[in-house]
PDB file of all heavy atoms in Angstrom:
ATOM      1  N   LEU A   1     -45.065   9.235  16.795  1.00  0.00           N
ATOM      2  CA  LEU A   1     -44.957  10.643  16.465  1.00  0.00           C
ATOM      3  C   LEU A   1     -44.358  11.426  17.622  1.00  0.00           C
ATOM      4  O   LEU A   1     -43.506  12.299  17.435  1.00  0.00           O
ATOM      5  CB  LEU A   1     -46.332  11.197  16.106  1.00  0.00           C
ATOM      6  CG  LEU A   1     -46.388  12.697  15.750  1.00  0.00           C
ATOM      7  CD1 LEU A   1     -45.531  12.960  14.527  1.00  0.00           C
ATOM      8  CD2 LEU A   1     -47.826  13.130  15.518  1.00  0.00           C
ATOM      9  N   GLY A   2     -44.776  11.102  18.829  1.00  0.00           N
ATOM     10  CA  GLY A   2     -44.276  11.816  19.988  1.00  0.00           C
ATOM     11  C   GLY A   2     -42.786  11.642  20.187  1.00  0.00           C
ATOM     12  O   GLY A   2     -42.106  12.543  20.674  1.00  0.00           O
ATOM     13  N   GLN A   3     -42.267  10.471  19.833  1.00  0.00           N
ATOM     14  CA  GLN A   3     -40.839  10.260  19.967  1.00  0.00           C
ATOM     15  C   GLN A   3     -40.079  10.956  18.852  1.00  0.00           C
ATOM     16  O   GLN A   3     -38.928  11.341  19.012  1.00  0.00           O
ATOM     17  CB  GLN A   3     -40.528   8.763  19.971  1.00  0.00           C
ATOM     18  CG  GLN A   3     -41.024   8.082  21.228  1.00  0.00           C
ATOM     19  CD  GLN A   3     -40.467   6.695  21.370  1.00  0.00           C
ATOM     20  OE1 GLN A   3     -39.358   6.408  20.953  1.00  0.00           O
ATOM     21  NE2 GLN A   3     -41.236   5.811  21.953  1.00  0.00           N
ATOM     22  N   ASN A   4     -40.703  11.086  17.677  1.00  0.00           N
ATOM     23  CA  ASN A   4     -40.031  11.718  16.553  1.00  0.00           C
ATOM     24  C   ASN A   4     -39.963  13.239  16.703  1.00  0.00           C
ATOM     25  O   ASN A   4     -39.017  13.874  16.251  1.00  0.00           O
ATOM     26  CB  ASN A   4     -40.765  11.389  15.251  1.00  0.00           C
ATOM     27  CG  ASN A   4     -40.556   9.956  14.825  1.00  0.00           C
ATOM     28  OD1 ASN A   4     -39.682   9.277  15.333  1.00  0.00           O
ATOM     29  ND2 ASN A   4     -41.373   9.497  13.890  1.00  0.00           N
ATOM     30  N   PHE A   5     -40.991  13.861  17.309  1.00  0.00           N
ATOM     31  CA  PHE A   5     -41.081  15.308  17.354  1.00  0.00           C
ATOM     32  C   PHE A   5     -41.334  15.736  18.790  1.00  0.00           C
ATOM     33  O   PHE A   5     -42.425  15.558  19.311  1.00  0.00           O
ATOM     34  CB  PHE A   5     -42.211  15.776  16.440  1.00  0.00           C
ATOM     35  CG  PHE A   5     -42.263  17.268  16.286  1.00  0.00           C
ATOM     36  CD1 PHE A   5     -41.213  17.949  15.703  1.00  0.00           C
ATOM     37  CD2 PHE A   5     -43.374  17.966  16.724  1.00  0.00           C
ATOM     38  CE1 PHE A   5     -41.271  19.331  15.554  1.00  0.00           C
ATOM     39  CE2 PHE A   5     -43.435  19.340  16.580  1.00  0.00           C
ATOM     40  CZ  PHE A   5     -42.392  20.028  15.995  1.00  0.00           C
ATOM     41  N   ASN A   6     -40.331  16.290  19.421  1.00  0.00           N
ATOM     42  CA  ASN A   6     -40.379  16.598  20.824  1.00  0.00           C
ATOM     43  C   ASN A   6     -40.266  18.107  21.022  1.00  0.00           C
ATOM     44  O   ASN A   6     -39.175  18.647  21.177  1.00  0.00           O
ATOM     45  CB  ASN A   6     -39.236  15.870  21.548  1.00  0.00           C
ATOM     46  CG  ASN A   6     -39.334  15.977  23.051  1.00  0.00           C
ATOM     47  OD1 ASN A   6     -40.043  16.824  23.575  1.00  0.00           O
ATOM     48  ND2 ASN A   6     -38.611  15.131  23.739  1.00  0.00           N
ATOM     49  N   VAL A   7     -41.406  18.784  20.970  1.00  0.00           N
ATOM     50  CA  VAL A   7     -41.413  20.234  21.090  1.00  0.00           C
ATOM     51  C   VAL A   7     -40.837  20.666  22.434  1.00  0.00           C
ATOM     52  O   VAL A   7     -40.075  21.637  22.526  1.00  0.00           O
ATOM     53  CB  VAL A   7     -42.840  20.778  20.914  1.00  0.00           C
ATOM     54  CG1 VAL A   7     -42.868  22.287  21.128  1.00  0.00           C
ATOM     55  CG2 VAL A   7     -43.371  20.427  19.530  1.00  0.00           C
ATOM     56  N   ALA A   8     -41.190  19.947  23.495  1.00  0.00           N
ATOM     57  CA  ALA A   8     -40.768  20.334  24.837  1.00  0.00           C
ATOM     58  C   ALA A   8     -39.262  20.330  25.006  1.00  0.00           C
ATOM     59  O   ALA A   8     -38.716  21.030  25.848  1.00  0.00           O
ATOM     60  CB  ALA A   8     -41.397  19.392  25.858  1.00  0.00           C
ATOM     61  N   GLY A   9     -38.567  19.526  24.191  1.00  0.00           N
ATOM     62  CA  GLY A   9     -37.126  19.410  24.356  1.00  0.00           C
ATOM     63  C   GLY A   9     -36.303  20.316  23.478  1.00  0.00           C
ATOM     64  O   GLY A   9     -35.077  20.311  23.574  1.00  0.00           O
ATOM     65  N   VAL A  10     -36.946  21.130  22.618  1.00  0.00           N
ATOM     66  CA  VAL A  10     -36.191  21.938  21.655  1.00  0.00           C
ATOM     67  C   VAL A  10     -35.277  22.939  22.354  1.00  0.00           C
ATOM     68  O   VAL A  10     -34.091  23.073  22.019  1.00  0.00           O
ATOM     69  CB  VAL A  10     -37.138  22.657  20.687  1.00  0.00           C
ATOM     70  CG1 VAL A  10     -36.386  23.687  19.851  1.00  0.00           C
ATOM     71  CG2 VAL A  10     -37.821  21.652  19.768  1.00  0.00           C
ATOM     72  N   THR A  11     -35.792  23.660  23.350  1.00  0.00           N
ATOM     73  CA  THR A  11     -34.990  24.662  24.049  1.00  0.00           C
ATOM     74  C   THR A  11     -33.801  24.009  24.755  1.00  0.00           C
ATOM     75  O   THR A  11     -32.674  24.528  24.715  1.00  0.00           O
ATOM     76  CB  THR A  11     -35.846  25.431  25.070  1.00  0.00           C
ATOM     77  OG1 THR A  11     -36.918  26.075  24.377  1.00  0.00           O
ATOM     78  CG2 THR A  11     -35.018  26.474  25.802  1.00  0.00           C
ATOM     79  N   ILE A  12     -34.055  22.877  25.406  1.00  0.00           N
ATOM     80  CA  ILE A  12     -32.975  22.163  26.097  1.00  0.00           C
ATOM     81  C   ILE A  12     -31.956  21.659  25.094  1.00  0.00           C
ATOM     82  O   ILE A  12     -30.738  21.741  25.319  1.00  0.00           O
ATOM     83  CB  ILE A  12     -33.557  21.003  26.927  1.00  0.00           C
ATOM     84  CG1 ILE A  12     -34.482  21.539  28.008  1.00  0.00           C
ATOM     85  CG2 ILE A  12     -32.444  20.168  27.550  1.00  0.00           C
ATOM     86  CD1 ILE A  12     -35.316  20.482  28.674  1.00  0.00           C
ATOM     87  N   PHE A  13     -32.434  21.143  23.956  1.00  0.00           N
ATOM     88  CA  PHE A  13     -31.555  20.670  22.902  1.00  0.00           C
ATOM     89  C   PHE A  13     -30.626  21.792  22.438  1.00  0.00           C
ATOM     90  O   PHE A  13     -29.409  21.611  22.320  1.00  0.00           O
ATOM     91  CB  PHE A  13     -32.396  20.151  21.736  1.00  0.00           C
ATOM     92  CG  PHE A  13     -31.611  19.784  20.512  1.00  0.00           C
ATOM     93  CD1 PHE A  13     -30.960  18.575  20.420  1.00  0.00           C
ATOM     94  CD2 PHE A  13     -31.547  20.665  19.435  1.00  0.00           C
ATOM     95  CE1 PHE A  13     -30.238  18.240  19.281  1.00  0.00           C
ATOM     96  CE2 PHE A  13     -30.838  20.337  18.298  1.00  0.00           C
ATOM     97  CZ  PHE A  13     -30.175  19.123  18.216  1.00  0.00           C
ATOM     98  N   MET A  14     -31.179  22.971  22.193  1.00  0.00           N
ATOM     99  CA  MET A  14     -30.380  24.088  21.711  1.00  0.00           C
ATOM    100  C   MET A  14     -29.387  24.564  22.763  1.00  0.00           C
ATOM    101  O   MET A  14     -28.241  24.898  22.445  1.00  0.00           O
ATOM    102  CB  MET A  14     -31.299  25.240  21.280  1.00  0.00           C
ATOM    103  CG  MET A  14     -32.199  24.905  20.098  1.00  0.00           C
ATOM    104  SD  MET A  14     -31.289  24.321  18.640  1.00  0.00           S
ATOM    105  CE  MET A  14     -30.333  25.792  18.240  1.00  0.00           C
ATOM    106  N   SER A  15     -29.808  24.579  24.028  1.00  0.00           N
ATOM    107  CA  SER A  15     -28.886  25.014  25.076  1.00  0.00           C
ATOM    108  C   SER A  15     -27.763  24.007  25.283  1.00  0.00           C
ATOM    109  O   SER A  15     -26.634  24.381  25.613  1.00  0.00           O
ATOM    110  CB  SER A  15     -29.639  25.238  26.393  1.00  0.00           C
ATOM    111  OG  SER A  15     -30.099  24.012  26.953  1.00  0.00           O
ATOM    112  N   THR A  16     -28.063  22.721  25.055  1.00  0.00           N
ATOM    113  CA  THR A  16     -27.017  21.697  25.137  1.00  0.00           C
ATOM    114  C   THR A  16     -25.992  21.912  24.032  1.00  0.00           C
ATOM    115  O   THR A  16     -24.779  21.873  24.272  1.00  0.00           O
ATOM    116  CB  THR A  16     -27.631  20.291  25.032  1.00  0.00           C
ATOM    117  OG1 THR A  16     -28.574  20.108  26.082  1.00  0.00           O
ATOM    118  CG2 THR A  16     -26.548  19.222  25.144  1.00  0.00           C
ATOM    119  N   LEU A  17     -26.464  22.144  22.825  1.00  0.00           N
ATOM    120  CA  LEU A  17     -25.558  22.396  21.706  1.00  0.00           C
ATOM    121  C   LEU A  17     -24.740  23.656  21.937  1.00  0.00           C
ATOM    122  O   LEU A  17     -23.551  23.721  21.596  1.00  0.00           O
ATOM    123  CB  LEU A  17     -26.347  22.540  20.404  1.00  0.00           C
ATOM    124  CG  LEU A  17     -26.951  21.283  19.786  1.00  0.00           C
ATOM    125  CD1 LEU A  17     -27.699  21.652  18.512  1.00  0.00           C
ATOM    126  CD2 LEU A  17     -25.867  20.246  19.487  1.00  0.00           C
ATOM    127  N   ALA A  18     -25.378  24.677  22.515  1.00  0.00           N
ATOM    128  CA  ALA A  18     -24.737  25.980  22.640  1.00  0.00           C
ATOM    129  C   ALA A  18     -23.669  26.035  23.726  1.00  0.00           C
ATOM    130  O   ALA A  18     -22.705  26.786  23.614  1.00  0.00           O
ATOM    131  CB  ALA A  18     -25.795  27.050  22.892  1.00  0.00           C
ATOM    132  N   GLY A  19     -23.822  25.258  24.783  1.00  0.00           N
ATOM    133  CA  GLY A  19     -22.824  25.388  25.839  1.00  0.00           C
ATOM    134  C   GLY A  19     -22.908  24.380  26.960  1.00  0.00           C
ATOM    135  O   GLY A  19     -21.957  24.218  27.716  1.00  0.00           O
ATOM    136  N   ARG A  20     -24.029  23.682  27.065  1.00  0.00           N
ATOM    137  CA  ARG A  20     -24.178  22.723  28.167  1.00  0.00           C
ATOM    138  C   ARG A  20     -23.988  21.301  27.637  1.00  0.00           C
ATOM    139  O   ARG A  20     -24.767  20.401  27.894  1.00  0.00           O
ATOM    140  CB  ARG A  20     -25.549  22.896  28.828  1.00  0.00           C
ATOM    141  CG  ARG A  20     -25.820  24.314  29.305  1.00  0.00           C
ATOM    142  CD  ARG A  20     -27.224  24.455  29.830  1.00  0.00           C
ATOM    143  NE  ARG A  20     -27.397  23.791  31.096  1.00  0.00           N
ATOM    144  CZ  ARG A  20     -28.576  23.497  31.642  1.00  0.00           C
ATOM    145  NH1 ARG A  20     -29.685  23.791  30.994  1.00  0.00           N
ATOM    146  NH2 ARG A  20     -28.646  22.890  32.801  1.00  0.00           N
ATOM    147  N   ARG A  21     -22.916  21.121  26.901  1.00  0.00           N
ATOM    148  CA  ARG A  21     -22.680  19.855  26.211  1.00  0.00           C
ATOM    149  C   ARG A  21     -22.470  18.689  27.165  1.00  0.00           C
ATOM    150  O   ARG A  21     -22.753  17.541  26.826  1.00  0.00           O
ATOM    151  CB  ARG A  21     -21.477  20.017  25.268  1.00  0.00           C
ATOM    152  CG  ARG A  21     -21.737  21.059  24.198  1.00  0.00           C
ATOM    153  CD  ARG A  21     -20.485  21.426  23.422  1.00  0.00           C
ATOM    154  NE  ARG A  21     -20.801  22.427  22.397  1.00  0.00           N
ATOM    155  CZ  ARG A  21     -19.893  23.041  21.654  1.00  0.00           C
ATOM    156  NH1 ARG A  21     -18.607  22.757  21.828  1.00  0.00           N
ATOM    157  NH2 ARG A  21     -20.250  23.932  20.760  1.00  0.00           N
ATOM    158  N   TYR A  22     -21.983  18.980  28.349  1.00  0.00           N
ATOM    159  CA  TYR A  22     -21.757  17.950  29.357  1.00  0.00           C
ATOM    160  C   TYR A  22     -23.043  17.203  29.714  1.00  0.00           C
ATOM    161  O   TYR A  22     -22.996  16.056  30.162  1.00  0.00           O
ATOM    162  CB  TYR A  22     -21.152  18.571  30.620  1.00  0.00           C
ATOM    163  CG  TYR A  22     -21.977  19.681  31.219  1.00  0.00           C
ATOM    164  CD1 TYR A  22     -22.959  19.404  32.167  1.00  0.00           C
ATOM    165  CD2 TYR A  22     -21.794  21.004  30.832  1.00  0.00           C
ATOM    166  CE1 TYR A  22     -23.732  20.417  32.719  1.00  0.00           C
ATOM    167  CE2 TYR A  22     -22.561  22.024  31.369  1.00  0.00           C
ATOM    168  CZ  TYR A  22     -23.534  21.724  32.318  1.00  0.00           C
ATOM    169  OH  TYR A  22     -24.301  22.723  32.851  1.00  0.00           O
ATOM    170  N   LEU A  23     -24.206  17.851  29.511  1.00  0.00           N
ATOM    171  CA  LEU A  23     -25.460  17.193  29.851  1.00  0.00           C
ATOM    172  C   LEU A  23     -25.734  15.968  28.988  1.00  0.00           C
ATOM    173  O   LEU A  23     -26.473  15.070  29.392  1.00  0.00           O
ATOM    174  CB  LEU A  23     -26.632  18.175  29.705  1.00  0.00           C
ATOM    175  CG  LEU A  23     -26.714  19.307  30.727  1.00  0.00           C
ATOM    176  CD1 LEU A  23     -27.897  20.213  30.404  1.00  0.00           C
ATOM    177  CD2 LEU A  23     -26.829  18.762  32.147  1.00  0.00           C
ATOM    178  N   ALA A  24     -25.159  15.903  27.804  1.00  0.00           N
ATOM    179  CA  ALA A  24     -25.401  14.777  26.898  1.00  0.00           C
ATOM    180  C   ALA A  24     -24.406  13.635  27.088  1.00  0.00           C
ATOM    181  O   ALA A  24     -24.534  12.602  26.431  1.00  0.00           O
ATOM    182  CB  ALA A  24     -25.346  15.257  25.446  1.00  0.00           C
ATOM    183  N   ILE A  25     -23.455  13.797  27.995  1.00  0.00           N
ATOM    184  CA  ILE A  25     -22.430  12.773  28.215  1.00  0.00           C
ATOM    185  C   ILE A  25     -22.859  11.874  29.383  1.00  0.00           C
ATOM    186  O   ILE A  25     -23.060  12.357  30.498  1.00  0.00           O
ATOM    187  CB  ILE A  25     -21.063  13.398  28.527  1.00  0.00           C
ATOM    188  CG1 ILE A  25     -20.721  14.483  27.503  1.00  0.00           C
ATOM    189  CG2 ILE A  25     -19.996  12.319  28.590  1.00  0.00           C
ATOM    190  CD1 ILE A  25     -20.607  13.991  26.083  1.00  0.00           C
ATOM    191  N   PRO A  26     -23.020  10.585  29.159  1.00  0.00           N
ATOM    192  CA  PRO A  26     -23.422   9.689  30.263  1.00  0.00           C
ATOM    193  C   PRO A  26     -22.283   9.429  31.238  1.00  0.00           C
ATOM    194  O   PRO A  26     -21.105   9.467  30.862  1.00  0.00           O
ATOM    195  CB  PRO A  26     -23.826   8.407  29.527  1.00  0.00           C
ATOM    196  CG  PRO A  26     -22.998   8.425  28.276  1.00  0.00           C
ATOM    197  CD  PRO A  26     -22.862   9.868  27.877  1.00  0.00           C
ATOM    198  N   HIS A  27     -22.639   9.171  32.481  1.00  0.00           N
ATOM    199  CA  HIS A  27     -21.628   8.776  33.458  1.00  0.00           C
ATOM    200  C   HIS A  27     -21.022   7.416  33.114  1.00  0.00           C
ATOM    201  O   HIS A  27     -19.834   7.176  33.320  1.00  0.00           O
ATOM    202  CB  HIS A  27     -22.240   8.717  34.863  1.00  0.00           C
ATOM    203  CG  HIS A  27     -22.696  10.048  35.374  1.00  0.00           C
ATOM    204  ND1 HIS A  27     -24.025  10.422  35.398  1.00  0.00           N
ATOM    205  CD2 HIS A  27     -21.994  11.101  35.853  1.00  0.00           C
ATOM    206  CE1 HIS A  27     -24.123  11.647  35.896  1.00  0.00           C
ATOM    207  NE2 HIS A  27     -22.921  12.082  36.177  1.00  0.00           N
ATOM    208  N   ILE A  28     -21.866   6.512  32.606  1.00  0.00           N
ATOM    209  CA  ILE A  28     -21.441   5.143  32.294  1.00  0.00           C
ATOM    210  C   ILE A  28     -21.986   4.773  30.924  1.00  0.00           C
ATOM    211  O   ILE A  28     -23.174   4.970  30.652  1.00  0.00           O
ATOM    212  CB  ILE A  28     -21.959   4.142  33.344  1.00  0.00           C
ATOM    213  CG1 ILE A  28     -21.475   4.519  34.746  1.00  0.00           C
ATOM    214  CG2 ILE A  28     -21.552   2.711  32.997  1.00  0.00           C
ATOM    215  CD1 ILE A  28     -22.150   3.735  35.852  1.00  0.00           C
ATOM    216  N   SER A  29     -21.132   4.222  30.070  1.00  0.00           N
ATOM    217  CA  SER A  29     -21.562   3.710  28.763  1.00  0.00           C
ATOM    218  C   SER A  29     -21.311   2.206  28.724  1.00  0.00           C
ATOM    219  O   SER A  29     -20.232   1.741  29.111  1.00  0.00           O
ATOM    220  CB  SER A  29     -20.791   4.389  27.628  1.00  0.00           C
ATOM    221  OG  SER A  29     -21.099   5.767  27.562  1.00  0.00           O
ATOM    222  N   VAL A  30     -22.293   1.446  28.273  1.00  0.00           N
ATOM    223  CA  VAL A  30     -22.183  -0.007  28.200  1.00  0.00           C
ATOM    224  C   VAL A  30     -22.738  -0.488  26.869  1.00  0.00           C
ATOM    225  O   VAL A  30     -23.495   0.220  26.204  1.00  0.00           O
ATOM    226  CB  VAL A  30     -22.943  -0.700  29.359  1.00  0.00           C
ATOM    227  CG1 VAL A  30     -22.286  -0.409  30.697  1.00  0.00           C
ATOM    228  CG2 VAL A  30     -24.411  -0.281  29.379  1.00  0.00           C
ATOM    229  N   GLN A  31     -22.380  -1.695  26.482  1.00  0.00           N
ATOM    230  CA  GLN A  31     -22.948  -2.271  25.272  1.00  0.00           C
ATOM    231  C   GLN A  31     -24.428  -2.565  25.465  1.00  0.00           C
ATOM    232  O   GLN A  31     -25.254  -2.282  24.609  1.00  0.00           O
ATOM    233  CB  GLN A  31     -22.202  -3.550  24.876  1.00  0.00           C
ATOM    234  CG  GLN A  31     -22.687  -4.179  23.579  1.00  0.00           C
ATOM    235  CD  GLN A  31     -22.555  -3.245  22.387  1.00  0.00           C
ATOM    236  OE1 GLN A  31     -21.571  -2.504  22.282  1.00  0.00           O
ATOM    237  NE2 GLN A  31     -23.541  -3.259  21.493  1.00  0.00           N
ATOM    238  N   ASP A  32     -24.772  -3.147  26.608  1.00  0.00           N
ATOM    239  CA  ASP A  32     -26.160  -3.343  26.991  1.00  0.00           C
ATOM    240  C   ASP A  32     -26.189  -3.511  28.502  1.00  0.00           C
ATOM    241  O   ASP A  32     -25.146  -3.524  29.161  1.00  0.00           O
ATOM    242  CB  ASP A  32     -26.810  -4.532  26.261  1.00  0.00           C
ATOM    243  CG  ASP A  32     -26.089  -5.837  26.500  1.00  0.00           C
ATOM    244  OD1 ASP A  32     -25.755  -6.150  27.671  1.00  0.00           O
ATOM    245  OD2 ASP A  32     -25.836  -6.567  25.532  1.00  0.00           O
ATOM    246  N   ILE A  33     -27.367  -3.641  29.074  1.00  0.00           N
ATOM    247  CA  ILE A  33     -27.473  -3.641  30.540  1.00  0.00           C
ATOM    248  C   ILE A  33     -26.909  -4.900  31.183  1.00  0.00           C
ATOM    249  O   ILE A  33     -26.779  -4.950  32.416  1.00  0.00           O
ATOM    250  CB  ILE A  33     -28.916  -3.395  31.001  1.00  0.00           C
ATOM    251  CG1 ILE A  33     -29.850  -4.537  30.567  1.00  0.00           C
ATOM    252  CG2 ILE A  33     -29.422  -2.052  30.505  1.00  0.00           C
ATOM    253  CD1 ILE A  33     -31.233  -4.471  31.215  1.00  0.00           C
ATOM    254  N   ASN A  34     -26.556  -5.905  30.384  1.00  0.00           N
ATOM    255  CA  ASN A  34     -25.905  -7.083  30.963  1.00  0.00           C
ATOM    256  C   ASN A  34     -24.594  -6.725  31.641  1.00  0.00           C
ATOM    257  O   ASN A  34     -24.120  -7.456  32.520  1.00  0.00           O
ATOM    258  CB  ASN A  34     -25.646  -8.136  29.879  1.00  0.00           C
ATOM    259  CG  ASN A  34     -26.907  -8.835  29.428  1.00  0.00           C
ATOM    260  OD1 ASN A  34     -27.752  -9.199  30.242  1.00  0.00           O
ATOM    261  ND2 ASN A  34     -27.051  -9.023  28.125  1.00  0.00           N
ATOM    262  N   GLN A  35     -23.979  -5.612  31.251  1.00  0.00           N
ATOM    263  CA  GLN A  35     -22.702  -5.208  31.825  1.00  0.00           C
ATOM    264  C   GLN A  35     -22.843  -4.457  33.144  1.00  0.00           C
ATOM    265  O   GLN A  35     -21.847  -4.198  33.805  1.00  0.00           O
ATOM    266  CB  GLN A  35     -21.945  -4.330  30.829  1.00  0.00           C
ATOM    267  CG  GLN A  35     -21.482  -5.044  29.576  1.00  0.00           C
ATOM    268  CD  GLN A  35     -20.746  -4.091  28.660  1.00  0.00           C
ATOM    269  OE1 GLN A  35     -21.343  -3.374  27.885  1.00  0.00           O
ATOM    270  NE2 GLN A  35     -19.427  -4.075  28.778  1.00  0.00           N
ATOM    271  N   VAL A  36     -24.060  -4.100  33.500  1.00  0.00           N
ATOM    272  CA  VAL A  36     -24.261  -3.278  34.697  1.00  0.00           C
ATOM    273  C   VAL A  36     -24.319  -4.155  35.939  1.00  0.00           C
ATOM    274  O   VAL A  36     -25.048  -5.151  35.982  1.00  0.00           O
ATOM    275  CB  VAL A  36     -25.551  -2.452  34.574  1.00  0.00           C
ATOM    276  CG1 VAL A  36     -25.760  -1.607  35.827  1.00  0.00           C
ATOM    277  CG2 VAL A  36     -25.503  -1.565  33.330  1.00  0.00           C
ATOM    278  N   ASP A  37     -23.578  -3.764  36.959  1.00  0.00           N
ATOM    279  CA  ASP A  37     -23.603  -4.465  38.241  1.00  0.00           C
ATOM    280  C   ASP A  37     -24.623  -3.766  39.142  1.00  0.00           C
ATOM    281  O   ASP A  37     -24.303  -2.795  39.832  1.00  0.00           O
ATOM    282  CB  ASP A  37     -22.214  -4.444  38.882  1.00  0.00           C
ATOM    283  CG  ASP A  37     -22.113  -5.376  40.079  1.00  0.00           C
ATOM    284  OD1 ASP A  37     -23.150  -5.593  40.744  1.00  0.00           O
ATOM    285  OD2 ASP A  37     -21.014  -5.882  40.362  1.00  0.00           O
ATOM    286  N   TRP A  38     -25.844  -4.241  39.119  1.00  0.00           N
ATOM    287  CA  TRP A  38     -26.928  -3.599  39.851  1.00  0.00           C
ATOM    288  C   TRP A  38     -26.707  -3.654  41.361  1.00  0.00           C
ATOM    289  O   TRP A  38     -27.023  -2.686  42.075  1.00  0.00           O
ATOM    290  CB  TRP A  38     -28.257  -4.260  39.497  1.00  0.00           C
ATOM    291  CG  TRP A  38     -28.548  -4.246  38.032  1.00  0.00           C
ATOM    292  CD1 TRP A  38     -28.573  -5.320  37.186  1.00  0.00           C
ATOM    293  CD2 TRP A  38     -28.852  -3.100  37.224  1.00  0.00           C
ATOM    294  NE1 TRP A  38     -28.869  -4.915  35.898  1.00  0.00           N
ATOM    295  CE2 TRP A  38     -29.051  -3.562  35.895  1.00  0.00           C
ATOM    296  CE3 TRP A  38     -28.980  -1.736  37.492  1.00  0.00           C
ATOM    297  CZ2 TRP A  38     -29.361  -2.702  34.849  1.00  0.00           C
ATOM    298  CZ3 TRP A  38     -29.298  -0.872  36.456  1.00  0.00           C
ATOM    299  CH2 TRP A  38     -29.483  -1.359  35.163  1.00  0.00           C
ATOM    300  N   LYS A  39     -26.161  -4.748  41.837  1.00  0.00           N
ATOM    301  CA  LYS A  39     -25.911  -4.868  43.280  1.00  0.00           C
ATOM    302  C   LYS A  39     -24.905  -3.826  43.743  1.00  0.00           C
ATOM    303  O   LYS A  39     -25.073  -3.214  44.802  1.00  0.00           O
ATOM    304  CB  LYS A  39     -25.411  -6.281  43.603  1.00  0.00           C
ATOM    305  CG  LYS A  39     -25.198  -6.521  45.091  1.00  0.00           C
ATOM    306  CD  LYS A  39     -24.742  -7.954  45.350  1.00  0.00           C
ATOM    307  CE  LYS A  39     -24.497  -8.176  46.837  1.00  0.00           C
ATOM    308  NZ  LYS A  39     -24.021  -9.574  47.114  1.00  0.00           N
ATOM    309  N   ALA A  40     -23.860  -3.592  42.951  1.00  0.00           N
ATOM    310  CA  ALA A  40     -22.864  -2.585  43.310  1.00  0.00           C
ATOM    311  C   ALA A  40     -23.480  -1.194  43.359  1.00  0.00           C
ATOM    312  O   ALA A  40     -23.159  -0.389  44.236  1.00  0.00           O
ATOM    313  CB  ALA A  40     -21.699  -2.624  42.323  1.00  0.00           C
ATOM    314  N   LEU A  41     -24.376  -0.918  42.437  1.00  0.00           N
ATOM    315  CA  LEU A  41     -25.036   0.382  42.437  1.00  0.00           C
ATOM    316  C   LEU A  41     -25.916   0.561  43.665  1.00  0.00           C
ATOM    317  O   LEU A  41     -25.956   1.628  44.269  1.00  0.00           O
ATOM    318  CB  LEU A  41     -25.868   0.533  41.165  1.00  0.00           C
ATOM    319  CG  LEU A  41     -25.061   0.710  39.872  1.00  0.00           C
ATOM    320  CD1 LEU A  41     -25.957   0.540  38.651  1.00  0.00           C
ATOM    321  CD2 LEU A  41     -24.378   2.060  39.849  1.00  0.00           C
ATOM    322  N   ARG A  42     -26.612  -0.502  44.042  1.00  0.00           N
ATOM    323  CA  ARG A  42     -27.438  -0.421  45.250  1.00  0.00           C
ATOM    324  C   ARG A  42     -26.549  -0.203  46.473  1.00  0.00           C
ATOM    325  O   ARG A  42     -26.850   0.625  47.336  1.00  0.00           O
ATOM    326  CB  ARG A  42     -28.245  -1.704  45.425  1.00  0.00           C
ATOM    327  CG  ARG A  42     -29.199  -1.675  46.628  1.00  0.00           C
ATOM    328  CD  ARG A  42     -29.666  -3.068  46.976  1.00  0.00           C
ATOM    329  NE  ARG A  42     -28.567  -3.893  47.440  1.00  0.00           N
ATOM    330  CZ  ARG A  42     -28.544  -5.226  47.405  1.00  0.00           C
ATOM    331  NH1 ARG A  42     -29.563  -5.891  46.901  1.00  0.00           N
ATOM    332  NH2 ARG A  42     -27.509  -5.897  47.869  1.00  0.00           N
ATOM    333  N   GLU A  43     -25.442  -0.928  46.542  1.00  0.00           N
ATOM    334  CA  GLU A  43     -24.540  -0.789  47.680  1.00  0.00           C
ATOM    335  C   GLU A  43     -23.889   0.584  47.729  1.00  0.00           C
ATOM    336  O   GLU A  43     -23.474   1.045  48.792  1.00  0.00           O
ATOM    337  CB  GLU A  43     -23.478  -1.889  47.634  1.00  0.00           C
ATOM    338  CG  GLU A  43     -24.053  -3.283  47.893  1.00  0.00           C
ATOM    339  CD  GLU A  43     -23.021  -4.389  47.726  1.00  0.00           C
ATOM    340  OE1 GLU A  43     -21.926  -4.109  47.184  1.00  0.00           O
ATOM    341  OE2 GLU A  43     -23.319  -5.530  48.114  1.00  0.00           O
ATOM    342  N   ALA A  44     -23.794   1.245  46.574  1.00  0.00           N
ATOM    343  CA  ALA A  44     -23.243   2.592  46.538  1.00  0.00           C
ATOM    344  C   ALA A  44     -24.219   3.636  47.062  1.00  0.00           C
ATOM    345  O   ALA A  44     -23.854   4.794  47.243  1.00  0.00           O
ATOM    346  CB  ALA A  44     -22.836   2.945  45.101  1.00  0.00           C
ATOM    347  N   GLY A  45     -25.471   3.229  47.292  1.00  0.00           N
ATOM    348  CA  GLY A  45     -26.438   4.132  47.885  1.00  0.00           C
ATOM    349  C   GLY A  45     -27.578   4.566  46.993  1.00  0.00           C
ATOM    350  O   GLY A  45     -28.434   5.346  47.420  1.00  0.00           O
ATOM    351  N   PHE A  46     -27.608   4.064  45.762  1.00  0.00           N
ATOM    352  CA  PHE A  46     -28.703   4.432  44.870  1.00  0.00           C
ATOM    353  C   PHE A  46     -29.988   3.714  45.288  1.00  0.00           C
ATOM    354  O   PHE A  46     -29.961   2.607  45.812  1.00  0.00           O
ATOM    355  CB  PHE A  46     -28.335   4.130  43.419  1.00  0.00           C
ATOM    356  CG  PHE A  46     -27.272   5.050  42.902  1.00  0.00           C
ATOM    357  CD1 PHE A  46     -25.935   4.671  42.911  1.00  0.00           C
ATOM    358  CD2 PHE A  46     -27.599   6.313  42.453  1.00  0.00           C
ATOM    359  CE1 PHE A  46     -24.941   5.530  42.469  1.00  0.00           C
ATOM    360  CE2 PHE A  46     -26.617   7.192  42.008  1.00  0.00           C
ATOM    361  CZ  PHE A  46     -25.282   6.800  42.011  1.00  0.00           C
TER     362      PHE A  46
END
C-alpha cells in the first residue's frame, strides 16, 4: 500500500510535471545493473 499511495511525494510529483522535469531524468540508464562498472564509479570519487 505504501508503494502504491505516496502522499509525501504528491507535491514533488506535481512540481516535476509543472516545470522541474529534469529531476525525473536519470544520469545513466541501463538494462540492468550488470552494465554498471562499479569500480569506475568508485575511482571517479563516489
